[in-house]
Protein backbone atom coordinates (compact mmCIF):
# COMPACT_ATOMS: atom_id res chain seq x y z
CA UNK A 1 -0.08 0.31 0.27
CA UNK A 2 2.38 2.42 0.66
CA UNK A 3 4.23 1.69 -2.27
CA UNK A 4 1.38 2.67 -4.70
CA UNK A 5 1.34 5.95 -2.63
CA UNK A 6 4.65 7.32 -3.50
CA UNK A 7 4.09 5.30 -6.96
CA UNK A 8 1.49 7.83 -7.44
CA UNK A 9 3.17 11.04 -5.87
CA UNK A 10 6.26 10.21 -8.16
CA UNK A 11 4.11 10.18 -11.25
CA UNK A 12 1.98 13.40 -10.16
CA UNK A 13 4.94 15.79 -8.88
CA UNK A 14 6.28 14.41 -12.86
CA UNK A 15 3.48 15.22 -14.61
CA UNK A 16 3.12 19.08 -12.60
CA UNK A 17 7.17 19.40 -13.15
CA UNK A 18 6.82 18.44 -16.81
CA UNK A 19 3.85 21.07 -17.39
CA UNK A 20 5.68 23.76 -15.64
CA UNK A 21 8.99 22.94 -17.75
CA UNK A 22 6.85 23.40 -21.13
CA UNK A 23 5.25 27.11 -19.74
CA UNK A 24 8.44 28.48 -18.53
CA UNK A 25 11.06 30.22 -21.41
CA UNK A 26 14.00 27.83 -21.45
CA UNK A 27 17.20 29.32 -20.68
CA UNK A 28 18.76 26.70 -23.89
CA UNK A 29 17.05 27.31 -26.43
CA UNK A 30 13.18 27.91 -27.62
CA UNK A 31 10.43 26.74 -25.57
CA UNK A 32 7.73 23.94 -27.23
CA UNK A 33 4.53 23.72 -25.66
CA UNK A 34 3.02 20.74 -24.85
CA UNK A 35 0.76 21.01 -28.34
CA UNK A 36 4.35 20.38 -30.20
CA UNK A 37 4.49 24.31 -31.05
CA UNK A 38 6.99 26.33 -30.56
CA UNK A 39 6.37 29.15 -28.49
CA UNK A 40 5.62 32.87 -29.53
CA UNK A 41 8.59 35.56 -28.63
CA UNK A 42 5.56 37.14 -26.28
CA UNK A 43 6.00 33.52 -24.60
CA UNK A 44 10.05 34.55 -23.75
CA UNK A 45 10.11 38.23 -22.41
CA UNK A 46 10.25 38.29 -19.10
CA UNK A 47 7.91 40.06 -16.63
CA UNK A 48 8.07 41.12 -13.22
CA UNK A 49 6.68 38.95 -10.43
CA UNK A 50 5.48 41.76 -8.68
CA UNK A 51 3.71 43.98 -11.24
CA UNK A 52 3.84 41.60 -14.27
CA UNK A 53 5.28 44.78 -16.67
CA UNK A 54 7.82 43.84 -18.96
CA UNK A 55 11.38 43.21 -17.77
CA UNK A 56 13.75 45.79 -19.02
CA UNK A 57 16.32 48.81 -18.23
CA UNK A 58 13.84 51.27 -17.74
CA UNK A 59 11.07 49.12 -15.39
CA UNK A 60 12.00 50.38 -12.36
CA UNK A 61 11.56 53.79 -13.83
CA UNK A 62 7.93 53.15 -14.91
CA UNK A 63 7.93 51.59 -11.15
CA UNK A 64 8.39 54.67 -9.30
CA UNK A 65 6.64 56.44 -11.66
CA UNK A 66 3.78 55.08 -12.08
CA UNK A 67 2.74 52.47 -9.07
CA UNK A 68 3.59 55.28 -7.25
CA UNK A 69 -0.42 56.10 -7.69
CA UNK A 70 -1.65 53.20 -9.14
CA UNK A 71 -1.71 49.38 -9.77
CA UNK A 72 0.00 48.01 -12.25
CA UNK A 73 -2.34 46.52 -13.71
CA UNK A 74 -3.63 49.97 -15.44
CA UNK A 75 -0.83 49.49 -17.82
CA UNK A 76 -1.20 46.27 -18.53
CA UNK A 77 -4.74 46.78 -19.73
CA UNK A 78 -3.69 49.51 -21.98
CA UNK A 79 -2.52 50.02 -25.34
CA UNK A 80 -1.69 53.63 -26.75
CA UNK A 81 0.67 55.09 -29.56
CA UNK A 82 3.09 57.80 -27.59
CA UNK A 83 0.72 60.41 -28.21
CA UNK A 84 -1.58 58.51 -26.32
CA UNK A 85 0.01 57.20 -23.34
CA UNK A 86 1.36 61.32 -23.46
CA UNK A 87 -1.78 62.92 -23.18
CA UNK A 88 -2.74 59.91 -20.16
CA UNK A 89 0.56 61.10 -18.46
CA UNK A 90 -0.85 65.00 -19.18
CA UNK A 91 -4.13 64.12 -17.92
CA UNK A 92 -2.84 62.51 -14.73
CA UNK A 93 -1.07 65.55 -14.46
CA UNK A 94 -4.19 67.73 -14.75
CA UNK A 95 -6.44 66.28 -13.06
CA UNK A 96 -4.46 63.64 -10.49
CA UNK A 97 -1.63 65.45 -9.30
CA UNK A 98 0.96 63.53 -11.40
CA UNK A 99 4.41 65.38 -10.59
CA UNK A 100 6.40 66.26 -13.55
CA UNK A 101 8.64 63.67 -15.25
CA UNK A 102 11.21 66.09 -16.46
CA UNK A 103 14.15 63.96 -17.58
CA UNK A 104 12.65 61.03 -17.13
CA UNK A 105 9.60 61.11 -19.31
CA UNK A 106 10.98 60.29 -22.67
CA UNK A 107 12.23 56.38 -21.35
CA UNK A 108 9.38 56.37 -19.35
CA UNK A 109 7.74 56.93 -23.33
CA UNK A 110 10.29 55.21 -24.75
CA UNK A 111 9.17 51.59 -22.09
CA UNK A 112 4.79 52.41 -22.14
CA UNK A 113 5.34 52.26 -26.08
CA UNK A 114 7.84 49.54 -27.07
CA UNK A 115 5.78 46.88 -24.61
CA UNK A 116 1.96 48.96 -23.93
CA UNK A 117 1.64 50.14 -27.67
CA UNK A 118 -0.49 49.43 -30.18
CA UNK A 119 -0.59 45.94 -31.22
CA UNK A 120 -0.92 45.08 -34.99
CA UNK A 121 -2.39 41.54 -35.12
CA UNK A 122 -4.52 40.00 -38.03
CA UNK A 123 -8.22 39.54 -37.28
CA UNK A 124 -9.06 37.07 -35.03
CA UNK A 125 -13.06 36.52 -35.82
CA UNK A 126 -14.08 39.16 -33.17
CA UNK A 127 -15.15 42.19 -34.28
CA UNK A 128 -12.53 44.48 -36.10
CA UNK A 129 -11.50 47.70 -33.88
CA UNK A 130 -13.16 50.88 -35.00
CA UNK A 131 -10.94 53.12 -37.31
CA UNK A 132 -11.06 56.43 -38.70
CA UNK A 133 -13.15 57.09 -35.66
CA UNK A 134 -13.23 61.19 -35.04
CA UNK A 135 -13.54 61.31 -31.71
CA UNK A 136 -14.41 64.70 -29.68
CA UNK A 137 -13.14 65.43 -26.00
CA UNK A 138 -15.45 67.44 -23.14
CA UNK A 139 -14.66 70.45 -21.94
């Protein structure tokens, strides 16, 4: 009976380890998913475990300026152009008491546009995004 329990434990442990290794990027080469397809580039991008943001040399700057006031989830759920991110920063400065980013602003904008800029994807079956819409601003 004890041998069966040990065997069940070891097999469940092996299955768990195999599923984890299939989902994590490998340091030695491309990741292969259980279905046999290769991982996309997005699968190999490192993310900060605390914020979920993409790790690069400007991450600490973005954390200091952005997550001091709000959750990183607000960054993760948006995709703006450089001008769009700049408008959001100006709005936060005018209405939410965000400080002047000074010399850090270009680096913050570079980070946001690089990792959270608009995505150019092929149509995935959902309603296509609206294009050439003339939006107005409330005054």
